[in-house]
Full PDB file with SEQRES, HELIX, SHEET, SSBOND, CRYST1, ORIGX, SCALE, CONECT and MASTER records, all heavy atoms in Angstrom:
SEQRES   1 A   46  PHE ALA THR ASN GLY GLU HIS ARG PRO SER PHE GLY ALA          
SEQRES   2 A   46  SER PRO GLU ALA LEU LEU ALA ARG GLN ILE VAL GLU ARG          
SEQRES   3 A   46  GLY PRO ALA PHE GLU ALA MET ALA THR VAL VAL ILE ASP          
SEQRES   4 A   46  VAL ASP ASP LEU THR PRO ASP                                  
HELIX    1 AA1 PRO A   15  MET A   33  1                                  19    
CRYST1    1.000    1.000    1.000  90.00  90.00  90.00 P 1           1          
ORIGX1      1.000000  0.000000  0.000000        0.00000                         
ORIGX2      0.000000  1.000000  0.000000        0.00000                         
ORIGX3      0.000000  0.000000  1.000000        0.00000                         
SCALE1      1.000000  0.000000  0.000000        0.00000                         
SCALE2      0.000000  1.000000  0.000000        0.00000                         
SCALE3      0.000000  0.000000  1.000000        0.00000                         
ATOM      1  N   PHE A   1       8.258  -2.571  -2.125  1.00  0.00           N  
ATOM      2  CA  PHE A   1       8.935  -1.344  -2.542  1.00  0.00           C  
ATOM      3  C   PHE A   1      10.447  -1.538  -2.504  1.00  0.00           C  
ATOM      4  O   PHE A   1      11.164  -1.054  -3.370  1.00  0.00           O  
ATOM      5  CB  PHE A   1       8.556  -0.180  -1.635  1.00  0.00           C  
ATOM      6  CG  PHE A   1       7.161   0.341  -1.846  1.00  0.00           C  
ATOM      7  CD1 PHE A   1       6.255  -0.286  -2.694  1.00  0.00           C  
ATOM      8  CD2 PHE A   1       6.738   1.462  -1.193  1.00  0.00           C  
ATOM      9  CE1 PHE A   1       4.970   0.194  -2.879  1.00  0.00           C  
ATOM     10  CE2 PHE A   1       5.451   1.964  -1.367  1.00  0.00           C  
ATOM     11  CZ  PHE A   1       4.578   1.324  -2.215  1.00  0.00           C  
ATOM     12  N   ALA A   2      10.929  -2.255  -1.491  1.00  0.00           N  
ATOM     13  CA  ALA A   2      12.370  -2.464  -1.348  1.00  0.00           C  
ATOM     14  C   ALA A   2      12.937  -3.308  -2.476  1.00  0.00           C  
ATOM     15  O   ALA A   2      14.063  -3.099  -2.914  1.00  0.00           O  
ATOM     16  CB  ALA A   2      12.666  -3.117   0.001  1.00  0.00           C  
ATOM     17  N   THR A   3      12.152  -4.274  -2.967  1.00  0.00           N  
ATOM     18  CA  THR A   3      12.671  -5.168  -4.001  1.00  0.00           C  
ATOM     19  C   THR A   3      12.329  -4.718  -5.414  1.00  0.00           C  
ATOM     20  O   THR A   3      12.938  -5.186  -6.358  1.00  0.00           O  
ATOM     21  CB  THR A   3      12.134  -6.606  -3.807  1.00  0.00           C  
ATOM     22  OG1 THR A   3      10.703  -6.582  -3.882  1.00  0.00           O  
ATOM     23  CG2 THR A   3      12.580  -7.173  -2.481  1.00  0.00           C  
ATOM     24  N   ASN A   4      11.355  -3.831  -5.559  1.00  0.00           N  
ATOM     25  CA  ASN A   4      10.942  -3.419  -6.894  1.00  0.00           C  
ATOM     26  C   ASN A   4      10.578  -1.943  -6.885  1.00  0.00           C  
ATOM     27  O   ASN A   4       9.595  -1.542  -7.484  1.00  0.00           O  
ATOM     28  CB  ASN A   4       9.735  -4.258  -7.356  1.00  0.00           C  
ATOM     29  CG  ASN A   4       9.398  -4.024  -8.807  1.00  0.00           C  
ATOM     30  OD1 ASN A   4      10.201  -3.528  -9.563  1.00  0.00           O  
ATOM     31  ND2 ASN A   4       8.189  -4.351  -9.190  1.00  0.00           N  
ATOM     32  N   GLY A   5      11.390  -1.134  -6.225  1.00  0.00           N  
ATOM     33  CA  GLY A   5      10.996   0.244  -6.033  1.00  0.00           C  
ATOM     34  C   GLY A   5      11.847   1.292  -6.703  1.00  0.00           C  
ATOM     35  O   GLY A   5      11.758   2.456  -6.356  1.00  0.00           O  
ATOM     36  N   GLU A   6      12.666   0.900  -7.674  1.00  0.00           N  
ATOM     37  CA  GLU A   6      13.549   1.896  -8.283  1.00  0.00           C  
ATOM     38  C   GLU A   6      12.796   3.006  -9.010  1.00  0.00           C  
ATOM     39  O   GLU A   6      13.303   4.097  -9.179  1.00  0.00           O  
ATOM     40  CB  GLU A   6      14.572   1.239  -9.221  1.00  0.00           C  
ATOM     41  CG  GLU A   6      13.982   0.433 -10.356  1.00  0.00           C  
ATOM     42  CD  GLU A   6      13.617  -1.000  -9.981  1.00  0.00           C  
ATOM     43  OE1 GLU A   6      13.961  -1.479  -8.897  1.00  0.00           O  
ATOM     44  OE2 GLU A   6      12.957  -1.646 -10.798  1.00  0.00           O  
ATOM     45  N   HIS A   7      11.561   2.745  -9.423  1.00  0.00           N  
ATOM     46  CA  HIS A   7      10.779   3.773 -10.106  1.00  0.00           C  
ATOM     47  C   HIS A   7       9.911   4.580  -9.136  1.00  0.00           C  
ATOM     48  O   HIS A   7       9.349   5.596  -9.499  1.00  0.00           O  
ATOM     49  CB  HIS A   7       9.881   3.148 -11.187  1.00  0.00           C  
ATOM     50  CG  HIS A   7       8.767   2.324 -10.631  1.00  0.00           C  
ATOM     51  ND1 HIS A   7       8.971   1.061 -10.131  1.00  0.00           N  
ATOM     52  CD2 HIS A   7       7.456   2.589 -10.465  1.00  0.00           C  
ATOM     53  CE1 HIS A   7       7.819   0.580  -9.696  1.00  0.00           C  
ATOM     54  NE2 HIS A   7       6.880   1.473  -9.883  1.00  0.00           N  
ATOM     55  N   ARG A   8       9.812   4.142  -7.892  1.00  0.00           N  
ATOM     56  CA  ARG A   8       8.960   4.815  -6.908  1.00  0.00           C  
ATOM     57  C   ARG A   8       9.728   5.924  -6.208  1.00  0.00           C  
ATOM     58  O   ARG A   8      10.946   5.875  -6.106  1.00  0.00           O  
ATOM     59  CB  ARG A   8       8.491   3.818  -5.847  1.00  0.00           C  
ATOM     60  CG  ARG A   8       7.671   2.681  -6.401  1.00  0.00           C  
ATOM     61  CD  ARG A   8       7.314   1.713  -5.275  1.00  0.00           C  
ATOM     62  NE  ARG A   8       6.688   0.515  -5.777  1.00  0.00           N  
ATOM     63  CZ  ARG A   8       5.388   0.383  -6.010  1.00  0.00           C  
ATOM     64  NH1 ARG A   8       4.588   1.393  -5.787  1.00  0.00           N  
ATOM     65  NH2 ARG A   8       4.903  -0.737  -6.468  1.00  0.00           N  
ATOM     66  N   PRO A   9       8.994   6.907  -5.657  1.00  0.00           N  
ATOM     67  CA  PRO A   9       9.694   7.926  -4.864  1.00  0.00           C  
ATOM     68  C   PRO A   9      10.298   7.298  -3.616  1.00  0.00           C  
ATOM     69  O   PRO A   9       9.855   6.239  -3.173  1.00  0.00           O  
ATOM     70  CB  PRO A   9       8.594   8.920  -4.500  1.00  0.00           C  
ATOM     71  CG  PRO A   9       7.315   8.294  -4.844  1.00  0.00           C  
ATOM     72  CD  PRO A   9       7.569   7.120  -5.735  1.00  0.00           C  
ATOM     73  N   SER A  10      11.271   7.953  -3.050  1.00  0.00           N  
ATOM     74  CA  SER A  10      11.912   7.445  -1.843  1.00  0.00           C  
ATOM     75  C   SER A  10      10.966   7.590  -0.659  1.00  0.00           C  
ATOM     76  O   SER A  10      10.386   8.640  -0.439  1.00  0.00           O  
ATOM     77  CB  SER A  10      13.196   8.225  -1.567  1.00  0.00           C  
ATOM     78  OG  SER A  10      13.731   7.830  -0.334  1.00  0.00           O  
ATOM     79  N   PHE A  11      10.809   6.519   0.099  1.00  0.00           N  
ATOM     80  CA  PHE A  11       9.980   6.562   1.295  1.00  0.00           C  
ATOM     81  C   PHE A  11      10.841   6.582   2.552  1.00  0.00           C  
ATOM     82  O   PHE A  11      10.335   6.393   3.640  1.00  0.00           O  
ATOM     83  CB  PHE A  11       9.029   5.354   1.335  1.00  0.00           C  
ATOM     84  CG  PHE A  11       7.919   5.433   0.331  1.00  0.00           C  
ATOM     85  CD1 PHE A  11       7.891   4.585  -0.758  1.00  0.00           C  
ATOM     86  CD2 PHE A  11       6.913   6.362   0.465  1.00  0.00           C  
ATOM     87  CE1 PHE A  11       6.865   4.653  -1.679  1.00  0.00           C  
ATOM     88  CE2 PHE A  11       5.886   6.447  -0.448  1.00  0.00           C  
ATOM     89  CZ  PHE A  11       5.859   5.587  -1.524  1.00  0.00           C  
ATOM     90  N   GLY A  12      12.136   6.792   2.392  1.00  0.00           N  
ATOM     91  CA  GLY A  12      13.019   6.852   3.544  1.00  0.00           C  
ATOM     92  C   GLY A  12      13.412   5.478   4.038  1.00  0.00           C  
ATOM     93  O   GLY A  12      13.189   4.462   3.393  1.00  0.00           O  
ATOM     94  N   ALA A  13      13.966   5.459   5.242  1.00  0.00           N  
ATOM     95  CA  ALA A  13      14.503   4.222   5.807  1.00  0.00           C  
ATOM     96  C   ALA A  13      13.405   3.245   6.218  1.00  0.00           C  
ATOM     97  O   ALA A  13      13.640   2.052   6.261  1.00  0.00           O  
ATOM     98  CB  ALA A  13      15.386   4.549   7.008  1.00  0.00           C  
ATOM     99  N   SER A  14      12.225   3.751   6.533  1.00  0.00           N  
ATOM    100  CA  SER A  14      11.151   2.870   7.008  1.00  0.00           C  
ATOM    101  C   SER A  14       9.862   3.143   6.227  1.00  0.00           C  
ATOM    102  O   SER A  14       8.966   3.830   6.726  1.00  0.00           O  
ATOM    103  CB  SER A  14      10.918   3.076   8.499  1.00  0.00           C  
ATOM    104  OG  SER A  14       9.842   2.260   8.923  1.00  0.00           O  
ATOM    105  N   PRO A  15       9.774   2.589   5.023  1.00  0.00           N  
ATOM    106  CA  PRO A  15       8.537   2.823   4.272  1.00  0.00           C  
ATOM    107  C   PRO A  15       7.309   2.229   4.957  1.00  0.00           C  
ATOM    108  O   PRO A  15       6.205   2.739   4.800  1.00  0.00           O  
ATOM    109  CB  PRO A  15       8.793   2.143   2.927  1.00  0.00           C  
ATOM    110  CG  PRO A  15       9.912   1.201   3.144  1.00  0.00           C  
ATOM    111  CD  PRO A  15      10.711   1.761   4.287  1.00  0.00           C  
ATOM    112  N   GLU A  16       7.498   1.178   5.777  1.00  0.00           N  
ATOM    113  CA  GLU A  16       6.363   0.558   6.454  1.00  0.00           C  
ATOM    114  C   GLU A  16       5.648   1.538   7.371  1.00  0.00           C  
ATOM    115  O   GLU A  16       4.420   1.530   7.467  1.00  0.00           O  
ATOM    116  CB  GLU A  16       6.803  -0.676   7.244  1.00  0.00           C  
ATOM    117  CG  GLU A  16       7.275  -1.828   6.396  1.00  0.00           C  
ATOM    118  CD  GLU A  16       8.755  -1.717   6.014  1.00  0.00           C  
ATOM    119  OE1 GLU A  16       9.445  -0.751   6.432  1.00  0.00           O  
ATOM    120  OE2 GLU A  16       9.220  -2.595   5.290  1.00  0.00           O  
ATOM    121  N   ALA A  17       6.406   2.410   8.061  1.00  0.00           N  
ATOM    122  CA  ALA A  17       5.788   3.377   8.967  1.00  0.00           C  
ATOM    123  C   ALA A  17       4.936   4.375   8.186  1.00  0.00           C  
ATOM    124  O   ALA A  17       3.802   4.676   8.574  1.00  0.00           O  
ATOM    125  CB  ALA A  17       6.858   4.105   9.773  1.00  0.00           C  
ATOM    126  N   LEU A  18       5.460   4.863   7.077  1.00  0.00           N  
ATOM    127  CA  LEU A  18       4.698   5.785   6.230  1.00  0.00           C  
ATOM    128  C   LEU A  18       3.454   5.093   5.672  1.00  0.00           C  
ATOM    129  O   LEU A  18       2.357   5.652   5.700  1.00  0.00           O  
ATOM    130  CB  LEU A  18       5.563   6.307   5.087  1.00  0.00           C  
ATOM    131  CG  LEU A  18       4.814   7.114   4.022  1.00  0.00           C  
ATOM    132  CD1 LEU A  18       4.281   8.418   4.586  1.00  0.00           C  
ATOM    133  CD2 LEU A  18       5.706   7.355   2.825  1.00  0.00           C  
ATOM    134  N   LEU A  19       3.632   3.884   5.174  1.00  0.00           N  
ATOM    135  CA  LEU A  19       2.512   3.142   4.590  1.00  0.00           C  
ATOM    136  C   LEU A  19       1.449   2.821   5.632  1.00  0.00           C  
ATOM    137  O   LEU A  19       0.248   2.904   5.343  1.00  0.00           O  
ATOM    138  CB  LEU A  19       3.027   1.879   3.910  1.00  0.00           C  
ATOM    139  CG  LEU A  19       3.910   2.151   2.691  1.00  0.00           C  
ATOM    140  CD1 LEU A  19       4.699   0.909   2.315  1.00  0.00           C  
ATOM    141  CD2 LEU A  19       3.089   2.655   1.522  1.00  0.00           C  
ATOM    142  N   ALA A  20       1.858   2.488   6.849  1.00  0.00           N  
ATOM    143  CA  ALA A  20       0.893   2.211   7.920  1.00  0.00           C  
ATOM    144  C   ALA A  20       0.085   3.463   8.236  1.00  0.00           C  
ATOM    145  O   ALA A  20      -1.140   3.405   8.405  1.00  0.00           O  
ATOM    146  CB  ALA A  20       1.622   1.705   9.168  1.00  0.00           C  
ATOM    147  N   ARG A  21       0.747   4.606   8.287  1.00  0.00           N  
ATOM    148  CA  ARG A  21       0.069   5.879   8.548  1.00  0.00           C  
ATOM    149  C   ARG A  21      -0.896   6.208   7.405  1.00  0.00           C  
ATOM    150  O   ARG A  21      -2.030   6.635   7.630  1.00  0.00           O  
ATOM    151  CB  ARG A  21       1.112   6.979   8.737  1.00  0.00           C  
ATOM    152  CG  ARG A  21       0.565   8.251   9.306  1.00  0.00           C  
ATOM    153  CD  ARG A  21       1.659   9.250   9.706  1.00  0.00           C  
ATOM    154  NE  ARG A  21       2.533   9.601   8.592  1.00  0.00           N  
ATOM    155  CZ  ARG A  21       3.801   9.214   8.453  1.00  0.00           C  
ATOM    156  NH1 ARG A  21       4.365   8.445   9.357  1.00  0.00           N  
ATOM    157  NH2 ARG A  21       4.524   9.585   7.413  1.00  0.00           N  
ATOM    158  N   GLN A  22      -0.450   5.981   6.171  1.00  0.00           N  
ATOM    159  CA  GLN A  22      -1.308   6.269   5.027  1.00  0.00           C  
ATOM    160  C   GLN A  22      -2.547   5.370   5.005  1.00  0.00           C  
ATOM    161  O   GLN A  22      -3.633   5.819   4.631  1.00  0.00           O  
ATOM    162  CB  GLN A  22      -0.529   6.122   3.721  1.00  0.00           C  
ATOM    163  CG  GLN A  22       0.433   7.258   3.486  1.00  0.00           C  
ATOM    164  CD  GLN A  22       1.205   7.101   2.190  1.00  0.00           C  
ATOM    165  OE1 GLN A  22       1.350   5.999   1.662  1.00  0.00           O  
ATOM    166  NE2 GLN A  22       1.712   8.207   1.678  1.00  0.00           N  
ATOM    167  N   ILE A  23      -2.402   4.124   5.403  1.00  0.00           N  
ATOM    168  CA  ILE A  23      -3.561   3.227   5.416  1.00  0.00           C  
ATOM    169  C   ILE A  23      -4.589   3.704   6.448  1.00  0.00           C  
ATOM    170  O   ILE A  23      -5.793   3.677   6.190  1.00  0.00           O  
ATOM    171  CB  ILE A  23      -3.129   1.766   5.652  1.00  0.00           C  
ATOM    172  CG1 ILE A  23      -2.470   1.272   4.377  1.00  0.00           C  
ATOM    173  CG2 ILE A  23      -4.299   0.902   6.081  1.00  0.00           C  
ATOM    174  CD1 ILE A  23      -2.186  -0.175   4.273  1.00  0.00           C  
ATOM    175  N   VAL A  24      -4.112   4.164   7.585  1.00  0.00           N  
ATOM    176  CA  VAL A  24      -5.034   4.694   8.593  1.00  0.00           C  
ATOM    177  C   VAL A  24      -5.742   5.933   8.041  1.00  0.00           C  
ATOM    178  O   VAL A  24      -6.959   6.082   8.172  1.00  0.00           O  
ATOM    179  CB  VAL A  24      -4.280   5.019   9.905  1.00  0.00           C  
ATOM    180  CG1 VAL A  24      -5.143   5.839  10.848  1.00  0.00           C  
ATOM    181  CG2 VAL A  24      -3.813   3.748  10.571  1.00  0.00           C  
ATOM    182  N   GLU A  25      -4.984   6.815   7.399  1.00  0.00           N  
ATOM    183  CA  GLU A  25      -5.553   8.061   6.879  1.00  0.00           C  
ATOM    184  C   GLU A  25      -6.449   7.831   5.667  1.00  0.00           C  
ATOM    185  O   GLU A  25      -7.503   8.448   5.538  1.00  0.00           O  
ATOM    186  CB  GLU A  25      -4.425   9.029   6.497  1.00  0.00           C  
ATOM    187  CG  GLU A  25      -3.620   9.516   7.684  1.00  0.00           C  
ATOM    188  CD  GLU A  25      -2.336  10.228   7.274  1.00  0.00           C  
ATOM    189  OE1 GLU A  25      -2.019  10.308   6.064  1.00  0.00           O  
ATOM    190  OE2 GLU A  25      -1.618  10.697   8.190  1.00  0.00           O  
ATOM    191  N   ARG A  26      -6.034   6.951   4.773  1.00  0.00           N  
ATOM    192  CA  ARG A  26      -6.746   6.771   3.508  1.00  0.00           C  
ATOM    193  C   ARG A  26      -7.737   5.615   3.517  1.00  0.00           C  
ATOM    194  O   ARG A  26      -8.595   5.528   2.640  1.00  0.00           O  
ATOM    195  CB  ARG A  26      -5.734   6.537   2.379  1.00  0.00           C  
ATOM    196  CG  ARG A  26      -4.869   7.743   2.090  1.00  0.00           C  
ATOM    197  CD  ARG A  26      -3.817   7.406   1.069  1.00  0.00           C  
ATOM    198  NE  ARG A  26      -3.101   8.575   0.603  1.00  0.00           N  
ATOM    199  CZ  ARG A  26      -1.979   8.538  -0.085  1.00  0.00           C  
ATOM    200  NH1 ARG A  26      -1.438   7.360  -0.406  1.00  0.00           N  
ATOM    201  NH2 ARG A  26      -1.389   9.651  -0.478  1.00  0.00           N  
ATOM    202  N   GLY A  27      -7.621   4.721   4.481  1.00  0.00           N  
ATOM    203  CA  GLY A  27      -8.466   3.534   4.517  1.00  0.00           C  
ATOM    204  C   GLY A  27      -9.951   3.813   4.385  1.00  0.00           C  
ATOM    205  O   GLY A  27     -10.639   3.161   3.585  1.00  0.00           O  
ATOM    206  N   PRO A  28     -10.496   4.769   5.144  1.00  0.00           N  
ATOM    207  CA  PRO A  28     -11.928   5.041   5.009  1.00  0.00           C  
ATOM    208  C   PRO A  28     -12.333   5.478   3.596  1.00  0.00           C  
ATOM    209  O   PRO A  28     -13.391   5.084   3.104  1.00  0.00           O  
ATOM    210  CB  PRO A  28     -12.181   6.159   6.030  1.00  0.00           C  
ATOM    211  CG  PRO A  28     -11.112   5.952   7.066  1.00  0.00           C  
ATOM    212  CD  PRO A  28      -9.910   5.504   6.277  1.00  0.00           C  
ATOM    213  N   ALA A  29     -11.506   6.254   2.927  1.00  0.00           N  
ATOM    214  CA  ALA A  29     -11.811   6.667   1.555  1.00  0.00           C  
ATOM    215  C   ALA A  29     -11.732   5.474   0.612  1.00  0.00           C  
ATOM    216  O   ALA A  29     -12.578   5.326  -0.283  1.00  0.00           O  
ATOM    217  CB  ALA A  29     -10.863   7.771   1.104  1.00  0.00           C  
ATOM    218  N   PHE A  30     -10.728   4.621   0.794  1.00  0.00           N  
ATOM    219  CA  PHE A  30     -10.644   3.405  -0.020  1.00  0.00           C  
ATOM    220  C   PHE A  30     -11.903   2.558   0.168  1.00  0.00           C  
ATOM    221  O   PHE A  30     -12.492   2.075  -0.795  1.00  0.00           O  
ATOM    222  CB  PHE A  30      -9.424   2.560   0.362  1.00  0.00           C  
ATOM    223  CG  PHE A  30      -8.105   3.071  -0.132  1.00  0.00           C  
ATOM    224  CD1 PHE A  30      -7.030   3.186   0.736  1.00  0.00           C  
ATOM    225  CD2 PHE A  30      -7.909   3.410  -1.463  1.00  0.00           C  
ATOM    226  CE1 PHE A  30      -5.802   3.630   0.292  1.00  0.00           C  
ATOM    227  CE2 PHE A  30      -6.684   3.851  -1.921  1.00  0.00           C  
ATOM    228  CZ  PHE A  30      -5.630   3.973  -1.040  1.00  0.00           C  
ATOM    229  N   GLU A  31     -12.303   2.370   1.416  1.00  0.00           N  
ATOM    230  CA  GLU A  31     -13.500   1.569   1.709  1.00  0.00           C  
ATOM    231  C   GLU A  31     -14.740   2.161   1.051  1.00  0.00           C  
ATOM    232  O   GLU A  31     -15.570   1.430   0.512  1.00  0.00           O  
ATOM    233  CB  GLU A  31     -13.721   1.469   3.225  1.00  0.00           C  
ATOM    234  CG  GLU A  31     -12.745   0.586   3.947  1.00  0.00           C  
ATOM    235  CD  GLU A  31     -13.022  -0.899   3.798  1.00  0.00           C  
ATOM    236  OE1 GLU A  31     -14.110  -1.278   3.327  1.00  0.00           O  
ATOM    237  OE2 GLU A  31     -12.129  -1.678   4.154  1.00  0.00           O  
ATOM    238  N   ALA A  32     -14.874   3.489   1.105  1.00  0.00           N  
ATOM    239  CA  ALA A  32     -16.053   4.149   0.545  1.00  0.00           C  
ATOM    240  C   ALA A  32     -16.126   4.012  -0.968  1.00  0.00           C  
ATOM    241  O   ALA A  32     -17.210   3.907  -1.534  1.00  0.00           O  
ATOM    242  CB  ALA A  32     -16.055   5.623   0.937  1.00  0.00           C  
ATOM    243  N   MET A  33     -14.980   4.015  -1.631  1.00  0.00           N  
ATOM    244  CA  MET A  33     -14.961   3.978  -3.095  1.00  0.00           C  
ATOM    245  C   MET A  33     -14.938   2.570  -3.667  1.00  0.00           C  
ATOM    246  O   MET A  33     -15.360   2.362  -4.801  1.00  0.00           O  
ATOM    247  CB  MET A  33     -13.739   4.742  -3.624  1.00  0.00           C  
ATOM    248  CG  MET A  33     -13.839   6.225  -3.435  1.00  0.00           C  
ATOM    249  SD  MET A  33     -12.504   7.118  -4.247  1.00  0.00           S  
ATOM    250  CE  MET A  33     -11.066   6.338  -3.588  1.00  0.00           C  
ATOM    251  N   ALA A  34     -14.439   1.618  -2.914  1.00  0.00           N  
ATOM    252  CA  ALA A  34     -14.212   0.276  -3.464  1.00  0.00           C  
ATOM    253  C   ALA A  34     -15.517  -0.479  -3.687  1.00  0.00           C  
ATOM    254  O   ALA A  34     -16.340  -0.598  -2.792  1.00  0.00           O  
ATOM    255  CB  ALA A  34     -13.301  -0.516  -2.541  1.00  0.00           C  
ATOM    256  N   THR A  35     -15.663  -0.977  -4.891  1.00  0.00           N  
ATOM    257  CA  THR A  35     -16.740  -1.891  -5.221  1.00  0.00           C  
ATOM    258  C   THR A  35     -16.352  -3.295  -4.775  1.00  0.00           C  
ATOM    259  O   THR A  35     -17.195  -4.082  -4.345  1.00  0.00           O  
ATOM    260  CB  THR A  35     -16.972  -1.908  -6.749  1.00  0.00           C  
ATOM    261  OG1 THR A  35     -17.078  -0.563  -7.210  1.00  0.00           O  
ATOM    262  CG2 THR A  35     -18.203  -2.675  -7.122  1.00  0.00           C  
ATOM    263  N   VAL A  36     -15.051  -3.581  -4.882  1.00  0.00           N  
ATOM    264  CA  VAL A  36     -14.482  -4.885  -4.544  1.00  0.00           C  
ATOM    265  C   VAL A  36     -13.189  -4.638  -3.772  1.00  0.00           C  
ATOM    266  O   VAL A  36     -12.407  -3.759  -4.136  1.00  0.00           O  
ATOM    267  CB  VAL A  36     -14.157  -5.693  -5.828  1.00  0.00           C  
ATOM    268  CG1 VAL A  36     -13.453  -6.990  -5.495  1.00  0.00           C  
ATOM    269  CG2 VAL A  36     -15.405  -5.944  -6.644  1.00  0.00           C  
ATOM    270  N   VAL A  37     -12.975  -5.416  -2.717  1.00  0.00           N  
ATOM    271  CA  VAL A  37     -11.719  -5.373  -1.965  1.00  0.00           C  
ATOM    272  C   VAL A  37     -11.095  -6.758  -2.044  1.00  0.00           C  
ATOM    273  O   VAL A  37     -11.742  -7.755  -1.735  1.00  0.00           O  
ATOM    274  CB  VAL A  37     -11.945  -4.985  -0.488  1.00  0.00           C  
ATOM    275  CG1 VAL A  37     -10.618  -4.997   0.273  1.00  0.00           C  
ATOM    276  CG2 VAL A  37     -12.626  -3.635  -0.376  1.00  0.00           C  
ATOM    277  N   ILE A  38      -9.835  -6.792  -2.482  1.00  0.00           N  
ATOM    278  CA  ILE A  38      -9.110  -8.061  -2.572  1.00  0.00           C  
ATOM    279  C   ILE A  38      -7.838  -7.933  -1.751  1.00  0.00           C  
ATOM    280  O   ILE A  38      -7.009  -7.048  -2.014  1.00  0.00           O  
ATOM    281  CB  ILE A  38      -8.780  -8.415  -4.037  1.00  0.00           C  
ATOM    282  CG1 ILE A  38     -10.074  -8.555  -4.841  1.00  0.00           C  
ATOM    283  CG2 ILE A  38      -7.937  -9.696  -4.106  1.00  0.00           C  
ATOM    284  CD1 ILE A  38      -9.865  -8.747  -6.326  1.00  0.00           C  
ATOM    285  N   ASP A  39      -7.701  -8.798  -0.752  1.00  0.00           N  
ATOM    286  CA  ASP A  39      -6.470  -8.833   0.039  1.00  0.00           C  
ATOM    287  C   ASP A  39      -5.424  -9.602  -0.743  1.00  0.00           C  
ATOM    288  O   ASP A  39      -5.619 -10.776  -1.073  1.00  0.00           O  
ATOM    289  CB  ASP A  39      -6.735  -9.484   1.401  1.00  0.00           C  
ATOM    290  CG  ASP A  39      -7.597  -8.592   2.279  1.00  0.00           C  
ATOM    291  OD1 ASP A  39      -7.288  -7.394   2.374  1.00  0.00           O  
ATOM    292  OD2 ASP A  39      -8.583  -9.088   2.845  1.00  0.00           O  
ATOM    293  N   VAL A  40      -4.326  -8.937  -1.056  1.00  0.00           N  
ATOM    294  CA  VAL A  40      -3.344  -9.494  -1.986  1.00  0.00           C  
ATOM    295  C   VAL A  40      -2.031  -9.899  -1.337  1.00  0.00           C  
ATOM    296  O   VAL A  40      -1.092 -10.281  -2.035  1.00  0.00           O  
ATOM    297  CB  VAL A  40      -3.067  -8.487  -3.136  1.00  0.00           C  
ATOM    298  CG1 VAL A  40      -4.335  -8.197  -3.920  1.00  0.00           C  
ATOM    299  CG2 VAL A  40      -2.444  -7.198  -2.616  1.00  0.00           C  
ATOM    300  N   ASP A  41      -1.973  -9.867  -0.009  1.00  0.00           N  
ATOM    301  CA  ASP A  41      -0.714 -10.135   0.692  1.00  0.00           C  
ATOM    302  C   ASP A  41       0.003 -11.392   0.224  1.00  0.00           C  
ATOM    303  O   ASP A  41       1.200 -11.372  -0.010  1.00  0.00           O  
ATOM    304  CB  ASP A  41      -0.955 -10.251   2.201  1.00  0.00           C  
ATOM    305  CG  ASP A  41      -1.363  -8.936   2.825  1.00  0.00           C  
ATOM    306  OD1 ASP A  41      -0.928  -7.879   2.343  1.00  0.00           O  
ATOM    307  OD2 ASP A  41      -2.131  -8.981   3.798  1.00  0.00           O  
ATOM    308  N   ASP A  42      -0.727 -12.478   0.100  1.00  0.00           N  
ATOM    309  CA  ASP A  42      -0.108 -13.771  -0.201  1.00  0.00           C  
ATOM    310  C   ASP A  42      -0.417 -14.266  -1.605  1.00  0.00           C  
ATOM    311  O   ASP A  42      -0.270 -15.462  -1.883  1.00  0.00           O  
ATOM    312  CB  ASP A  42      -0.567 -14.808   0.833  1.00  0.00           C  
ATOM    313  CG  ASP A  42      -0.176 -14.405   2.249  1.00  0.00           C  
ATOM    314  OD1 ASP A  42       0.958 -13.938   2.442  1.00  0.00           O  
ATOM    315  OD2 ASP A  42      -1.022 -14.526   3.150  1.00  0.00           O  
ATOM    316  N   LEU A  43      -0.820 -13.363  -2.477  1.00  0.00           N  
ATOM    317  CA  LEU A  43      -1.200 -13.763  -3.830  1.00  0.00           C  
ATOM    318  C   LEU A  43      -0.123 -13.404  -4.848  1.00  0.00           C  
ATOM    319  O   LEU A  43       0.532 -12.372  -4.726  1.00  0.00           O  
ATOM    320  CB  LEU A  43      -2.510 -13.077  -4.242  1.00  0.00           C  
ATOM    321  CG  LEU A  43      -3.733 -13.337  -3.365  1.00  0.00           C  
ATOM    322  CD1 LEU A  43      -4.924 -12.556  -3.901  1.00  0.00           C  
ATOM    323  CD2 LEU A  43      -4.043 -14.821  -3.286  1.00  0.00           C  
ATOM    324  N   THR A  44       0.023 -14.240  -5.849  1.00  0.00           N  
ATOM    325  CA  THR A  44       0.893 -13.913  -6.980  1.00  0.00           C  
ATOM    326  C   THR A  44       0.144 -12.942  -7.889  1.00  0.00           C  
ATOM    327  O   THR A  44      -1.089 -12.825  -7.805  1.00  0.00           O  
ATOM    328  CB  THR A  44       1.240 -15.177  -7.788  1.00  0.00           C  
ATOM    329  OG1 THR A  44       0.034 -15.659  -8.414  1.00  0.00           O  
ATOM    330  CG2 THR A  44       1.864 -16.257  -6.916  1.00  0.00           C  
ATOM    331  N   PRO A  45       0.843 -12.274  -8.777  1.00  0.00           N  
ATOM    332  CA  PRO A  45       0.137 -11.395  -9.729  1.00  0.00           C  
ATOM    333  C   PRO A  45      -0.943 -12.127 -10.527  1.00  0.00           C  
ATOM    334  O   PRO A  45      -2.038 -11.589 -10.723  1.00  0.00           O  
ATOM    335  CB  PRO A  45       1.262 -10.877 -10.631  1.00  0.00           C  
ATOM    336  CG  PRO A  45       2.460 -10.867  -9.727  1.00  0.00           C  
ATOM    337  CD  PRO A  45       2.302 -12.100  -8.872  1.00  0.00           C  
ATOM    338  N   ASP A  46      -0.675 -13.348 -10.953  1.00  0.00           N  
ATOM    339  CA  ASP A  46      -1.686 -14.111 -11.694  1.00  0.00           C  
ATOM    340  C   ASP A  46      -2.913 -14.402 -10.832  1.00  0.00           C  
ATOM    341  O   ASP A  46      -4.046 -14.377 -11.316  1.00  0.00           O  
ATOM    342  CB  ASP A  46      -1.104 -15.420 -12.236  1.00  0.00           C  
ATOM    343  CG  ASP A  46      -0.154 -15.199 -13.399  1.00  0.00           C  
ATOM    344  OD1 ASP A  46      -0.198 -14.117 -14.025  1.00  0.00           O  
ATOM    345  OD2 ASP A  46       0.634 -16.122 -13.686  1.00  0.00           O  
TER     346      ASP A  46                                                      
MASTER        0    0    0    1    0    0    0    6  345    1    0    4          
END                                                                             
């Protein structure tokens, strides 16, 4: 978000804290809906 976030809403000074909270809150719903889960932390877009 910090490097490519000009089109995103502002998440304040610490977007990681908001995102961590959202993952805890939304994670179970993501798990329930996902047919496939891909961890993308270290992957390029390709």
